[in-house]
Every structure is written in C-alpha cells, then in structure tokens.
PDB file of N, CA and C in Angstrom:
ATOM      1  N   MET A   1     -17.513   0.278  -0.829  1.00  0.00           N
ATOM      2  CA  MET A   1     -17.208   1.333  -1.778  1.00  0.00           C
ATOM      3  C   MET A   1     -16.331   0.764  -2.882  1.00  0.00           C
ATOM      4  N   VAL A   2     -16.655   1.109  -4.090  1.00  0.00           N
ATOM      5  CA  VAL A   2     -15.874   0.721  -5.257  1.00  0.00           C
ATOM      6  C   VAL A   2     -15.609   1.971  -6.077  1.00  0.00           C
ATOM      7  N   ILE A   3     -14.363   2.130  -6.503  1.00  0.00           N
ATOM      8  CA  ILE A   3     -13.980   3.244  -7.361  1.00  0.00           C
ATOM      9  C   ILE A   3     -13.614   2.647  -8.715  1.00  0.00           C
ATOM     10  N   GLU A   4     -14.204   3.187  -9.777  1.00  0.00           N
ATOM     11  CA  GLU A   4     -13.894   2.685 -11.118  1.00  0.00           C
ATOM     12  C   GLU A   4     -13.312   3.792 -11.980  1.00  0.00           C
ATOM     13  N   THR A   5     -12.332   3.410 -12.788  1.00  0.00           N
ATOM     14  CA  THR A   5     -11.798   4.283 -13.819  1.00  0.00           C
ATOM     15  C   THR A   5     -12.069   3.586 -15.147  1.00  0.00           C
ATOM     16  N   ASP A   6     -11.551   4.133 -16.210  1.00  0.00           N
ATOM     17  CA  ASP A   6     -11.735   3.481 -17.510  1.00  0.00           C
ATOM     18  C   ASP A   6     -11.162   2.069 -17.515  1.00  0.00           C
ATOM     19  N   ARG A   7     -10.030   1.873 -16.800  1.00  0.00           N
ATOM     20  CA  ARG A   7      -9.344   0.584 -16.864  1.00  0.00           C
ATOM     21  C   ARG A   7      -9.271  -0.175 -15.551  1.00  0.00           C
ATOM     22  N   LEU A   8      -9.557   0.479 -14.433  1.00  0.00           N
ATOM     23  CA  LEU A   8      -9.306  -0.118 -13.122  1.00  0.00           C
ATOM     24  C   LEU A   8     -10.553  -0.167 -12.251  1.00  0.00           C
ATOM     25  N   ILE A   9     -10.504  -1.099 -11.309  1.00  0.00           N
ATOM     26  CA  ILE A   9     -11.457  -1.145 -10.206  1.00  0.00           C
ATOM     27  C   ILE A   9     -10.647  -1.120  -8.920  1.00  0.00           C
ATOM     28  N   LEU A  10     -10.938  -0.155  -8.051  1.00  0.00           N
ATOM     29  CA  LEU A  10     -10.344  -0.073  -6.721  1.00  0.00           C
ATOM     30  C   LEU A  10     -11.439  -0.471  -5.746  1.00  0.00           C
ATOM     31  N   ARG A  11     -11.160  -1.446  -4.899  1.00  0.00           N
ATOM     32  CA  ARG A  11     -12.210  -2.057  -4.084  1.00  0.00           C
ATOM     33  C   ARG A  11     -11.639  -2.586  -2.778  1.00  0.00           C
ATOM     34  N   ARG A  12     -12.529  -3.060  -1.908  1.00  0.00           N
ATOM     35  CA  ARG A  12     -12.117  -3.739  -0.679  1.00  0.00           C
ATOM     36  C   ARG A  12     -11.398  -5.035  -1.051  1.00  0.00           C
ATOM     37  N   TRP A  13     -10.669  -5.558  -0.110  1.00  0.00           N
ATOM     38  CA  TRP A  13      -9.860  -6.753  -0.335  1.00  0.00           C
ATOM     39  C   TRP A  13     -10.691  -8.022  -0.254  1.00  0.00           C
ATOM     40  N   HIS A  14     -10.376  -9.007  -1.114  1.00  0.00           N
ATOM     41  CA  HIS A  14     -11.017 -10.325  -1.126  1.00  0.00           C
ATOM     42  C   HIS A  14      -9.981 -11.383  -0.730  1.00  0.00           C
ATOM     43  N   SER A  15     -10.454 -12.510  -0.250  1.00  0.00           N
ATOM     44  CA  SER A  15      -9.535 -13.605   0.103  1.00  0.00           C
ATOM     45  C   SER A  15      -8.724 -14.057  -1.104  1.00  0.00           C
ATOM     46  N   SER A  16      -9.271 -13.921  -2.301  1.00  0.00           N
ATOM     47  CA  SER A  16      -8.537 -14.310  -3.515  1.00  0.00           C
ATOM     48  C   SER A  16      -7.368 -13.376  -3.826  1.00  0.00           C
ATOM     49  N   ASP A  17      -7.266 -12.242  -3.127  1.00  0.00           N
ATOM     50  CA  ASP A  17      -6.154 -11.311  -3.336  1.00  0.00           C
ATOM     51  C   ASP A  17      -4.890 -11.729  -2.593  1.00  0.00           C
ATOM     52  N   VAL A  18      -5.033 -12.619  -1.622  1.00  0.00           N
ATOM     53  CA  VAL A  18      -3.896 -12.965  -0.763  1.00  0.00           C
ATOM     54  C   VAL A  18      -2.741 -13.542  -1.573  1.00  0.00           C
ATOM     55  N   GLU A  19      -2.984 -14.572  -2.367  1.00  0.00           N
ATOM     56  CA  GLU A  19      -1.887 -15.231  -3.094  1.00  0.00           C
ATOM     57  C   GLU A  19      -1.142 -14.285  -4.022  1.00  0.00           C
ATOM     58  N   PRO A  20      -1.832 -13.527  -4.881  1.00  0.00           N
ATOM     59  CA  PRO A  20      -1.071 -12.622  -5.741  1.00  0.00           C
ATOM     60  C   PRO A  20      -0.361 -11.518  -4.960  1.00  0.00           C
ATOM     61  N   PHE A  21      -0.927 -11.105  -3.813  1.00  0.00           N
ATOM     62  CA  PHE A  21      -0.260 -10.072  -3.019  1.00  0.00           C
ATOM     63  C   PHE A  21       0.967 -10.640  -2.312  1.00  0.00           C
ATOM     64  N   VAL A  22       0.909 -11.895  -1.899  1.00  0.00           N
ATOM     65  CA  VAL A  22       2.090 -12.563  -1.335  1.00  0.00           C
ATOM     66  C   VAL A  22       3.208 -12.572  -2.376  1.00  0.00           C
ATOM     67  N   SER A  23       2.884 -12.946  -3.596  1.00  0.00           N
ATOM     68  CA  SER A  23       3.891 -12.980  -4.673  1.00  0.00           C
ATOM     69  C   SER A  23       4.451 -11.596  -4.955  1.00  0.00           C
ATOM     70  N   LEU A  24       3.586 -10.607  -5.016  1.00  0.00           N
ATOM     71  CA  LEU A  24       4.000  -9.230  -5.266  1.00  0.00           C
ATOM     72  C   LEU A  24       4.975  -8.761  -4.186  1.00  0.00           C
ATOM     73  N   ASN A  25       4.651  -9.021  -2.922  1.00  0.00           N
ATOM     74  CA  ASN A  25       5.494  -8.574  -1.802  1.00  0.00           C
ATOM     75  C   ASN A  25       6.783  -9.381  -1.666  1.00  0.00           C
ATOM     76  N   ALA A  26       6.865 -10.515  -2.323  1.00  0.00           N
ATOM     77  CA  ALA A  26       8.092 -11.326  -2.306  1.00  0.00           C
ATOM     78  C   ALA A  26       9.009 -10.996  -3.481  1.00  0.00           C
ATOM     79  N   ASP A  27       8.559 -10.139  -4.375  1.00  0.00           N
ATOM     80  CA  ASP A  27       9.336  -9.785  -5.569  1.00  0.00           C
ATOM     81  C   ASP A  27      10.349  -8.694  -5.227  1.00  0.00           C
ATOM     82  N   PRO A  28      11.654  -8.976  -5.320  1.00  0.00           N
ATOM     83  CA  PRO A  28      12.659  -7.967  -4.972  1.00  0.00           C
ATOM     84  C   PRO A  28      12.604  -6.724  -5.861  1.00  0.00           C
ATOM     85  N   ARG A  29      12.098  -6.842  -7.067  1.00  0.00           N
ATOM     86  CA  ARG A  29      11.965  -5.658  -7.939  1.00  0.00           C
ATOM     87  C   ARG A  29      10.912  -4.705  -7.382  1.00  0.00           C
ATOM     88  N   VAL A  30       9.807  -5.248  -6.923  1.00  0.00           N
ATOM     89  CA  VAL A  30       8.727  -4.428  -6.362  1.00  0.00           C
ATOM     90  C   VAL A  30       9.173  -3.812  -5.037  1.00  0.00           C
ATOM     91  N   MET A  31       9.914  -4.569  -4.256  1.00  0.00           N
ATOM     92  CA  MET A  31      10.271  -4.144  -2.902  1.00  0.00           C
ATOM     93  C   MET A  31      11.664  -3.518  -2.810  1.00  0.00           C
ATOM     94  N   GLU A  32      12.219  -3.132  -3.939  1.00  0.00           N
ATOM     95  CA  GLU A  32      13.589  -2.612  -3.990  1.00  0.00           C
ATOM     96  C   GLU A  32      13.851  -1.484  -3.003  1.00  0.00           C
ATOM     97  N   PHE A  33      12.924  -0.584  -2.818  1.00  0.00           N
ATOM     98  CA  PHE A  33      13.145   0.579  -1.963  1.00  0.00           C
ATOM     99  C   PHE A  33      12.512   0.443  -0.585  1.00  0.00           C
ATOM    100  N   PHE A  34      12.153  -0.774  -0.230  1.00  0.00           N
ATOM    101  CA  PHE A  34      11.654  -1.092   1.105  1.00  0.00           C
ATOM    102  C   PHE A  34      12.748  -1.857   1.841  1.00  0.00           C
ATOM    103  N   PRO A  35      12.677  -1.937   3.163  1.00  0.00           N
ATOM    104  CA  PRO A  35      13.733  -2.623   3.913  1.00  0.00           C
ATOM    105  C   PRO A  35      13.919  -4.088   3.515  1.00  0.00           C
ATOM    106  N   ALA A  36      12.832  -4.759   3.145  1.00  0.00           N
ATOM    107  CA  ALA A  36      12.930  -6.186   2.806  1.00  0.00           C
ATOM    108  C   ALA A  36      11.657  -6.613   2.087  1.00  0.00           C
ATOM    109  N   THR A  37      11.735  -7.769   1.453  1.00  0.00           N
ATOM    110  CA  THR A  37      10.513  -8.384   0.936  1.00  0.00           C
ATOM    111  C   THR A  37       9.687  -8.851   2.131  1.00  0.00           C
ATOM    112  N   LEU A  38       8.424  -9.180   1.885  1.00  0.00           N
ATOM    113  CA  LEU A  38       7.544  -9.598   2.973  1.00  0.00           C
ATOM    114  C   LEU A  38       7.218 -11.080   2.881  1.00  0.00           C
ATOM    115  N   THR A  39       7.069 -11.684   4.028  1.00  0.00           N
ATOM    116  CA  THR A  39       6.650 -13.082   4.106  1.00  0.00           C
ATOM    117  C   THR A  39       5.137 -13.159   3.935  1.00  0.00           C
ATOM    118  N   ARG A  40       4.643 -14.363   3.823  1.00  0.00           N
ATOM    119  CA  ARG A  40       3.193 -14.566   3.741  1.00  0.00           C
ATOM    120  C   ARG A  40       2.508 -14.003   4.985  1.00  0.00           C
ATOM    121  N   ALA A  41       3.052 -14.307   6.156  1.00  0.00           N
ATOM    122  CA  ALA A  41       2.443 -13.828   7.407  1.00  0.00           C
ATOM    123  C   ALA A  41       2.441 -12.300   7.454  1.00  0.00           C
ATOM    124  N   GLU A  42       3.523 -11.676   7.037  1.00  0.00           N
ATOM    125  CA  GLU A  42       3.585 -10.214   7.026  1.00  0.00           C
ATOM    126  C   GLU A  42       2.580  -9.632   6.031  1.00  0.00           C
ATOM    127  N   THR A  43       2.424 -10.275   4.901  1.00  0.00           N
ATOM    128  CA  THR A  43       1.470  -9.825   3.894  1.00  0.00           C
ATOM    129  C   THR A  43       0.045  -9.954   4.414  1.00  0.00           C
ATOM    130  N   GLU A  44      -0.278 -11.065   5.055  1.00  0.00           N
ATOM    131  CA  GLU A  44      -1.615 -11.244   5.609  1.00  0.00           C
ATOM    132  C   GLU A  44      -1.906 -10.203   6.683  1.00  0.00           C
ATOM    133  N   THR A  45      -0.916  -9.900   7.515  1.00  0.00           N
ATOM    134  CA  THR A  45      -1.065  -8.856   8.531  1.00  0.00           C
ATOM    135  C   THR A  45      -1.280  -7.500   7.880  1.00  0.00           C
ATOM    136  N   MET A  46      -0.546  -7.241   6.797  1.00  0.00           N
ATOM    137  CA  MET A  46      -0.684  -5.975   6.086  1.00  0.00           C
ATOM    138  C   MET A  46      -2.097  -5.810   5.530  1.00  0.00           C
ATOM    139  N   ILE A  47      -2.630  -6.857   4.933  1.00  0.00           N
ATOM    140  CA  ILE A  47      -3.999  -6.794   4.398  1.00  0.00           C
ATOM    141  C   ILE A  47      -4.987  -6.503   5.521  1.00  0.00           C
ATOM    142  N   ALA A  48      -4.835  -7.178   6.654  1.00  0.00           N
ATOM    143  CA  ALA A  48      -5.739  -6.948   7.790  1.00  0.00           C
ATOM    144  C   ALA A  48      -5.644  -5.503   8.276  1.00  0.00           C
ATOM    145  N   THR A  49      -4.447  -4.965   8.324  1.00  0.00           N
ATOM    146  CA  THR A  49      -4.245  -3.581   8.752  1.00  0.00           C
ATOM    147  C   THR A  49      -4.866  -2.608   7.761  1.00  0.00           C
ATOM    148  N   ILE A  50      -4.664  -2.863   6.478  1.00  0.00           N
ATOM    149  CA  ILE A  50      -5.259  -2.008   5.449  1.00  0.00           C
ATOM    150  C   ILE A  50      -6.780  -2.016   5.576  1.00  0.00           C
ATOM    151  N   GLU A  51      -7.352  -3.200   5.719  1.00  0.00           N
ATOM    152  CA  GLU A  51      -8.815  -3.307   5.844  1.00  0.00           C
ATOM    153  C   GLU A  51      -9.312  -2.579   7.099  1.00  0.00           C
ATOM    154  N   GLN A  52      -8.577  -2.701   8.195  1.00  0.00           N
ATOM    155  CA  GLN A  52      -8.959  -2.009   9.432  1.00  0.00           C
ATOM    156  C   GLN A  52      -8.948  -0.498   9.221  1.00  0.00           C
ATOM    157  N   ARG A  53      -7.942   0.001   8.533  1.00  0.00           N
ATOM    158  CA  ARG A  53      -7.855   1.442   8.293  1.00  0.00           C
ATOM    159  C   ARG A  53      -8.949   1.924   7.344  1.00  0.00           C
ATOM    160  N   ILE A  54      -9.307   1.101   6.345  1.00  0.00           N
ATOM    161  CA  ILE A  54     -10.415   1.469   5.469  1.00  0.00           C
ATOM    162  C   ILE A  54     -11.699   1.576   6.286  1.00  0.00           C
ATOM    163  N   SER A  55     -11.920   0.624   7.180  1.00  0.00           N
ATOM    164  CA  SER A  55     -13.114   0.676   8.037  1.00  0.00           C
ATOM    165  C   SER A  55     -13.099   1.905   8.936  1.00  0.00           C
ATOM    166  N   GLN A  56     -11.931   2.257   9.438  1.00  0.00           N
ATOM    167  CA  GLN A  56     -11.798   3.382  10.352  1.00  0.00           C
ATOM    168  C   GLN A  56     -11.970   4.726   9.647  1.00  0.00           C
ATOM    169  N   HIS A  57     -11.338   4.886   8.471  1.00  0.00           N
ATOM    170  CA  HIS A  57     -11.293   6.190   7.811  1.00  0.00           C
ATOM    171  C   HIS A  57     -12.259   6.332   6.625  1.00  0.00           C
ATOM    172  N   GLY A  58     -12.760   5.201   6.113  1.00  0.00           N
ATOM    173  CA  GLY A  58     -13.611   5.262   4.929  1.00  0.00           C
ATOM    174  C   GLY A  58     -12.827   5.303   3.635  1.00  0.00           C
ATOM    175  N   PHE A  59     -11.518   5.224   3.741  1.00  0.00           N
ATOM    176  CA  PHE A  59     -10.634   5.173   2.577  1.00  0.00           C
ATOM    177  C   PHE A  59      -9.379   4.423   2.980  1.00  0.00           C
ATOM    178  N   GLY A  60      -8.562   4.095   2.007  1.00  0.00           N
ATOM    179  CA  GLY A  60      -7.316   3.395   2.307  1.00  0.00           C
ATOM    180  C   GLY A  60      -6.645   2.914   1.040  1.00  0.00           C
ATOM    181  N   PHE A  61      -5.774   1.951   1.203  1.00  0.00           N
ATOM    182  CA  PHE A  61      -5.108   1.331   0.066  1.00  0.00           C
ATOM    183  C   PHE A  61      -6.052   0.270  -0.488  1.00  0.00           C
ATOM    184  N   TRP A  62      -6.754   0.605  -1.563  1.00  0.00           N
ATOM    185  CA  TRP A  62      -7.750  -0.271  -2.161  1.00  0.00           C
ATOM    186  C   TRP A  62      -7.070  -1.363  -2.975  1.00  0.00           C
ATOM    187  N   ALA A  63      -7.570  -2.587  -2.867  1.00  0.00           N
ATOM    188  CA  ALA A  63      -7.153  -3.647  -3.776  1.00  0.00           C
ATOM    189  C   ALA A  63      -7.508  -3.167  -5.177  1.00  0.00           C
ATOM    190  N   THR A  64      -6.611  -3.395  -6.118  1.00  0.00           N
ATOM    191  CA  THR A  64      -6.792  -2.860  -7.465  1.00  0.00           C
ATOM    192  C   THR A  64      -6.747  -3.976  -8.486  1.00  0.00           C
ATOM    193  N   GLU A  65      -7.695  -3.932  -9.385  1.00  0.00           N
ATOM    194  CA  GLU A  65      -7.723  -4.933 -10.453  1.00  0.00           C
ATOM    195  C   GLU A  65      -7.950  -4.250 -11.796  1.00  0.00           C
ATOM    196  N   ILE A  66      -7.498  -4.918 -12.846  1.00  0.00           N
ATOM    197  CA  ILE A  66      -7.746  -4.446 -14.199  1.00  0.00           C
ATOM    198  C   ILE A  66      -9.169  -4.859 -14.567  1.00  0.00           C
ATOM    199  N   LYS A  67      -9.956  -3.885 -14.914  1.00  0.00           N
ATOM    200  CA  LYS A  67     -11.379  -4.093 -15.155  1.00  0.00           C
ATOM    201  C   LYS A  67     -11.640  -5.113 -16.266  1.00  0.00           C
ATOM    202  N   SER A  68     -10.910  -5.033 -17.362  1.00  0.00           N
ATOM    203  CA  SER A  68     -11.213  -5.867 -18.531  1.00  0.00           C
ATOM    204  C   SER A  68     -10.921  -7.343 -18.325  1.00  0.00           C
ATOM    205  N   ILE A  69      -9.959  -7.652 -17.438  1.00  0.00           N
ATOM    206  CA  ILE A  69      -9.580  -9.065 -17.233  1.00  0.00           C
ATOM    207  C   ILE A  69      -9.770  -9.533 -15.797  1.00  0.00           C
ATOM    208  N   LYS A  70     -10.293  -8.637 -14.942  1.00  0.00           N
ATOM    209  CA  LYS A  70     -10.579  -8.979 -13.541  1.00  0.00           C
ATOM    210  C   LYS A  70      -9.361  -9.593 -12.842  1.00  0.00           C
ATOM    211  N   THR A  71      -8.191  -8.985 -13.063  1.00  0.00           N
ATOM    212  CA  THR A  71      -6.943  -9.470 -12.480  1.00  0.00           C
ATOM    213  C   THR A  71      -6.454  -8.511 -11.412  1.00  0.00           C
ATOM    214  N   PHE A  72      -6.196  -9.022 -10.204  1.00  0.00           N
ATOM    215  CA  PHE A  72      -5.613  -8.240  -9.107  1.00  0.00           C
ATOM    216  C   PHE A  72      -4.191  -7.852  -9.492  1.00  0.00           C
ATOM    217  N   ILE A  73      -3.852  -6.566  -9.340  1.00  0.00           N
ATOM    218  CA  ILE A  73      -2.499  -6.119  -9.681  1.00  0.00           C
ATOM    219  C   ILE A  73      -1.776  -5.440  -8.523  1.00  0.00           C
ATOM    220  N   GLY A  74      -2.435  -5.252  -7.380  1.00  0.00           N
ATOM    221  CA  GLY A  74      -1.790  -4.603  -6.240  1.00  0.00           C
ATOM    222  C   GLY A  74      -2.759  -3.689  -5.521  1.00  0.00           C
ATOM    223  N   PHE A  75      -2.223  -2.575  -4.991  1.00  0.00           N
ATOM    224  CA  PHE A  75      -3.100  -1.600  -4.336  1.00  0.00           C
ATOM    225  C   PHE A  75      -2.771  -0.196  -4.783  1.00  0.00           C
ATOM    226  N   ILE A  76      -3.788   0.655  -4.683  1.00  0.00           N
ATOM    227  CA  ILE A  76      -3.665   2.089  -4.932  1.00  0.00           C
ATOM    228  C   ILE A  76      -4.635   2.773  -3.976  1.00  0.00           C
ATOM    229  N   GLY A  77      -4.214   3.888  -3.401  1.00  0.00           N
ATOM    230  CA  GLY A  77      -5.154   4.617  -2.566  1.00  0.00           C
ATOM    231  C   GLY A  77      -4.511   5.598  -1.622  1.00  0.00           C
ATOM    232  N   LEU A  78      -5.249   5.917  -0.586  1.00  0.00           N
ATOM    233  CA  LEU A  78      -4.854   6.889   0.425  1.00  0.00           C
ATOM    234  C   LEU A  78      -4.657   6.191   1.761  1.00  0.00           C
ATOM    235  N   ASN A  79      -3.785   6.753   2.582  1.00  0.00           N
ATOM    236  CA  ASN A  79      -3.494   6.146   3.879  1.00  0.00           C
ATOM    237  C   ASN A  79      -3.093   7.225   4.875  1.00  0.00           C
ATOM    238  N   VAL A  80      -3.551   7.088   6.091  1.00  0.00           N
ATOM    239  CA  VAL A  80      -3.095   7.928   7.189  1.00  0.00           C
ATOM    240  C   VAL A  80      -1.960   7.164   7.860  1.00  0.00           C
ATOM    241  N   PRO A  81      -0.724   7.669   7.798  1.00  0.00           N
ATOM    242  CA  PRO A  81       0.403   6.938   8.390  1.00  0.00           C
ATOM    243  C   PRO A  81       0.184   6.683   9.883  1.00  0.00           C
ATOM    244  N   ALA A  82       0.551   5.478  10.306  1.00  0.00           N
ATOM    245  CA  ALA A  82       0.375   5.094  11.714  1.00  0.00           C
ATOM    246  C   ALA A  82       1.413   5.767  12.610  1.00  0.00           C
ATOM    247  N   ASN A  83       2.604   5.975  12.094  1.00  0.00           N
ATOM    248  CA  ASN A  83       3.677   6.585  12.889  1.00  0.00           C
ATOM    249  C   ASN A  83       3.672   8.098  12.685  1.00  0.00           C
ATOM    250  N   PRO A  84       3.909   8.848  13.756  1.00  0.00           N
ATOM    251  CA  PRO A  84       3.956  10.307  13.609  1.00  0.00           C
ATOM    252  C   PRO A  84       5.153  10.719  12.743  1.00  0.00           C
ATOM    253  N   LEU A  85       4.905  11.674  11.876  1.00  0.00           N
ATOM    254  CA  LEU A  85       5.940  12.208  11.004  1.00  0.00           C
ATOM    255  C   LEU A  85       6.123  13.687  11.325  1.00  0.00           C
ATOM    256  N   PRO A  86       7.253  14.277  10.954  1.00  0.00           N
ATOM    257  CA  PRO A  86       7.458  15.691  11.267  1.00  0.00           C
ATOM    258  C   PRO A  86       6.363  16.607  10.725  1.00  0.00           C
ATOM    259  N   PHE A  87       5.678  16.175   9.680  1.00  0.00           N
ATOM    260  CA  PHE A  87       4.638  16.988   9.064  1.00  0.00           C
ATOM    261  C   PHE A  87       3.232  16.447   9.337  1.00  0.00           C
ATOM    262  N   SER A  88       3.092  15.567  10.330  1.00  0.00           N
ATOM    263  CA  SER A  88       1.783  15.025  10.697  1.00  0.00           C
ATOM    264  C   SER A  88       0.927  16.125  11.313  1.00  0.00           C
ATOM    265  N   PRO A  89      -0.393  16.030  11.217  1.00  0.00           N
ATOM    266  CA  PRO A  89      -1.156  14.958  10.593  1.00  0.00           C
ATOM    267  C   PRO A  89      -1.122  15.084   9.074  1.00  0.00           C
ATOM    268  N   CYS A  90      -1.231  13.964   8.420  1.00  0.00           N
ATOM    269  CA  CYS A  90      -1.185  13.966   6.968  1.00  0.00           C
ATOM    270  C   CYS A  90      -1.895  12.735   6.416  1.00  0.00           C
ATOM    271  N   THR A  91      -2.125  12.764   5.134  1.00  0.00           N
ATOM    272  CA  THR A  91      -2.633  11.614   4.405  1.00  0.00           C
ATOM    273  C   THR A  91      -1.711  11.431   3.212  1.00  0.00           C
ATOM    274  N   GLU A  92      -1.250  10.201   3.024  1.00  0.00           N
ATOM    275  CA  GLU A  92      -0.366   9.913   1.896  1.00  0.00           C
ATOM    276  C   GLU A  92      -1.151   9.231   0.784  1.00  0.00           C
ATOM    277  N   ILE A  93      -0.657   9.379  -0.422  1.00  0.00           N
ATOM    278  CA  ILE A  93      -1.200   8.629  -1.544  1.00  0.00           C
ATOM    279  C   ILE A  93      -0.135   7.626  -1.936  1.00  0.00           C
ATOM    280  N   GLY A  94      -0.550   6.391  -2.208  1.00  0.00           N
ATOM    281  CA  GLY A  94       0.449   5.375  -2.494  1.00  0.00           C
ATOM    282  C   GLY A  94      -0.083   4.256  -3.359  1.00  0.00           C
ATOM    283  N   TRP A  95       0.838   3.432  -3.793  1.00  0.00           N
ATOM    284  CA  TRP A  95       0.505   2.278  -4.618  1.00  0.00           C
ATOM    285  C   TRP A  95       1.621   1.261  -4.513  1.00  0.00           C
ATOM    286  N   ARG A  96       1.280   0.044  -4.763  1.00  0.00           N
ATOM    287  CA  ARG A  96       2.242  -1.052  -4.897  1.00  0.00           C
ATOM    288  C   ARG A  96       1.636  -2.004  -5.930  1.00  0.00           C
ATOM    289  N   LEU A  97       2.267  -2.056  -7.068  1.00  0.00           N
ATOM    290  CA  LEU A  97       1.752  -2.848  -8.175  1.00  0.00           C
ATOM    291  C   LEU A  97       2.727  -3.954  -8.545  1.00  0.00           C
ATOM    292  N   ALA A  98       2.186  -5.062  -9.017  1.00  0.00           N
ATOM    293  CA  ALA A  98       3.013  -6.159  -9.506  1.00  0.00           C
ATOM    294  C   ALA A  98       3.876  -5.648 -10.658  1.00  0.00           C
ATOM    295  N   PHE A  99       5.091  -6.126 -10.718  1.00  0.00           N
ATOM    296  CA  PHE A  99       6.074  -5.648 -11.689  1.00  0.00           C
ATOM    297  C   PHE A  99       5.554  -5.699 -13.128  1.00  0.00           C
ATOM    298  N   ASP A 100       4.834  -6.732 -13.471  1.00  0.00           N
ATOM    299  CA  ASP A 100       4.337  -6.889 -14.843  1.00  0.00           C
ATOM    300  C   ASP A 100       3.379  -5.781 -15.264  1.00  0.00           C
ATOM    301  N   TYR A 101       2.896  -4.982 -14.317  1.00  0.00           N
ATOM    302  CA  TYR A 101       1.931  -3.932 -14.624  1.00  0.00           C
ATOM    303  C   TYR A 101       2.513  -2.527 -14.485  1.00  0.00           C
ATOM    304  N   TRP A 102       3.827  -2.433 -14.305  1.00  0.00           N
ATOM    305  CA  TRP A 102       4.483  -1.135 -14.234  1.00  0.00           C
ATOM    306  C   TRP A 102       4.519  -0.498 -15.631  1.00  0.00           C
ATOM    307  N   GLY A 103       4.608   0.817 -15.646  1.00  0.00           N
ATOM    308  CA  GLY A 103       4.827   1.544 -16.887  1.00  0.00           C
ATOM    309  C   GLY A 103       3.605   1.677 -17.783  1.00  0.00           C
ATOM    310  N   ARG A 104       2.438   1.435 -17.261  1.00  0.00           N
ATOM    311  CA  ARG A 104       1.210   1.505 -18.063  1.00  0.00           C
ATOM    312  C   ARG A 104       0.266   2.626 -17.614  1.00  0.00           C
ATOM    313  N   GLY A 105       0.717   3.406 -16.629  1.00  0.00           N
ATOM    314  CA  GLY A 105      -0.098   4.518 -16.148  1.00  0.00           C
ATOM    315  C   GLY A 105      -1.170   4.145 -15.142  1.00  0.00           C
ATOM    316  N   TYR A 106      -1.154   2.894 -14.656  1.00  0.00           N
ATOM    317  CA  TYR A 106      -2.183   2.460 -13.707  1.00  0.00           C
ATOM    318  C   TYR A 106      -2.084   3.207 -12.380  1.00  0.00           C
ATOM    319  N   ALA A 107      -0.873   3.432 -11.879  1.00  0.00           N
ATOM    320  CA  ALA A 107      -0.722   4.111 -10.582  1.00  0.00           C
ATOM    321  C   ALA A 107      -1.303   5.511 -10.637  1.00  0.00           C
ATOM    322  N   GLN A 108      -0.960   6.244 -11.682  1.00  0.00           N
ATOM    323  CA  GLN A 108      -1.472   7.610 -11.812  1.00  0.00           C
ATOM    324  C   GLN A 108      -2.986   7.613 -11.988  1.00  0.00           C
ATOM    325  N   GLU A 109      -3.499   6.732 -12.817  1.00  0.00           N
ATOM    326  CA  GLU A 109      -4.947   6.664 -13.058  1.00  0.00           C
ATOM    327  C   GLU A 109      -5.706   6.340 -11.766  1.00  0.00           C
ATOM    328  N   GLY A 110      -5.221   5.345 -11.034  1.00  0.00           N
ATOM    329  CA  GLY A 110      -5.868   4.961  -9.782  1.00  0.00           C
ATOM    330  C   GLY A 110      -5.727   6.018  -8.709  1.00  0.00           C
ATOM    331  N   ALA A 111      -4.554   6.646  -8.642  1.00  0.00           N
ATOM    332  CA  ALA A 111      -4.327   7.689  -7.635  1.00  0.00           C
ATOM    333  C   ALA A 111      -5.261   8.876  -7.853  1.00  0.00           C
ATOM    334  N   ARG A 112      -5.415   9.275  -9.080  1.00  0.00           N
ATOM    335  CA  ARG A 112      -6.335  10.393  -9.371  1.00  0.00           C
ATOM    336  C   ARG A 112      -7.766  10.036  -8.952  1.00  0.00           C
ATOM    337  N   ALA A 113      -8.160   8.807  -9.220  1.00  0.00           N
ATOM    338  CA  ALA A 113      -9.519   8.377  -8.857  1.00  0.00           C
ATOM    339  C   ALA A 113      -9.686   8.316  -7.341  1.00  0.00           C
ATOM    340  N   ALA A 114      -8.649   7.872  -6.635  1.00  0.00           N
ATOM    341  CA  ALA A 114      -8.728   7.777  -5.175  1.00  0.00           C
ATOM    342  C   ALA A 114      -8.883   9.149  -4.520  1.00  0.00           C
ATOM    343  N   LEU A 115      -8.415  10.170  -5.172  1.00  0.00           N
ATOM    344  CA  LEU A 115      -8.510  11.529  -4.625  1.00  0.00           C
ATOM    345  C   LEU A 115      -9.902  12.132  -4.772  1.00  0.00           C
ATOM    346  N   THR A 116     -10.719  11.577  -5.639  1.00  0.00           N
ATOM    347  CA  THR A 116     -12.031  12.179  -5.869  1.00  0.00           C
ATOM    348  C   THR A 116     -13.078  11.655  -4.925  1.00  0.00           C
TER     349      THR A 116
END
C-alpha cells in the first residue's frame, strides 16, 4: 500500500531507510520529549516492529518521503499502542520527522492522508 499526497509518499519501509532513520533517532532535537535517543539496534528493532504492525493491522507508521526529491524524512501514520492505556482500545496518529523538515506542514499533510 502506498499513500500519496501532493508532496509526500507514505509507504512500507525499505532497507535504504535504516541509515537516515538511525540519524533521525540519534538527534536530540527530534527526541527531546522521549526518554532518550535511540541506538542503531533500537532503531532497527523499531522498524521491524512497525513493519510487523503494518502487516498485522493493514496500517501503521509509514516510511515517509518527499515525492519531488525521493528523500526519506521519517514516518507518519497510525498505530495501535502495544501497552494498555486507560482509554484503550485506541488508535493513535503520530509522526517523527527529521529536524530539517519541521515547520513545513508535512506532518499534518501526511496525517490527514493516513486517516483516509
């Protein structure tokens, strides 16, 4: 499954996404509100988990790229939280984008597309 907007492509993960996602998860600006930055091993595990959930649910945190330059910028999509929450069952909408792509409306554009 591929979701396209005017500027973005939301798609399954490719092996070429690993390196930029490792860098993104190691950036303290991106991870400011998370407990810690992620190591390469943690990032690889995260990608595997995301892919497993996409296979299970038919949706998930899609790898996201800018359509015009075919550049991976992070993820945008939907996720069923693994841990029970007081308001479970639920589906969350989320994104994690490389710092250089903040403030351009990509998260909102991709999130709206993921909901359709």
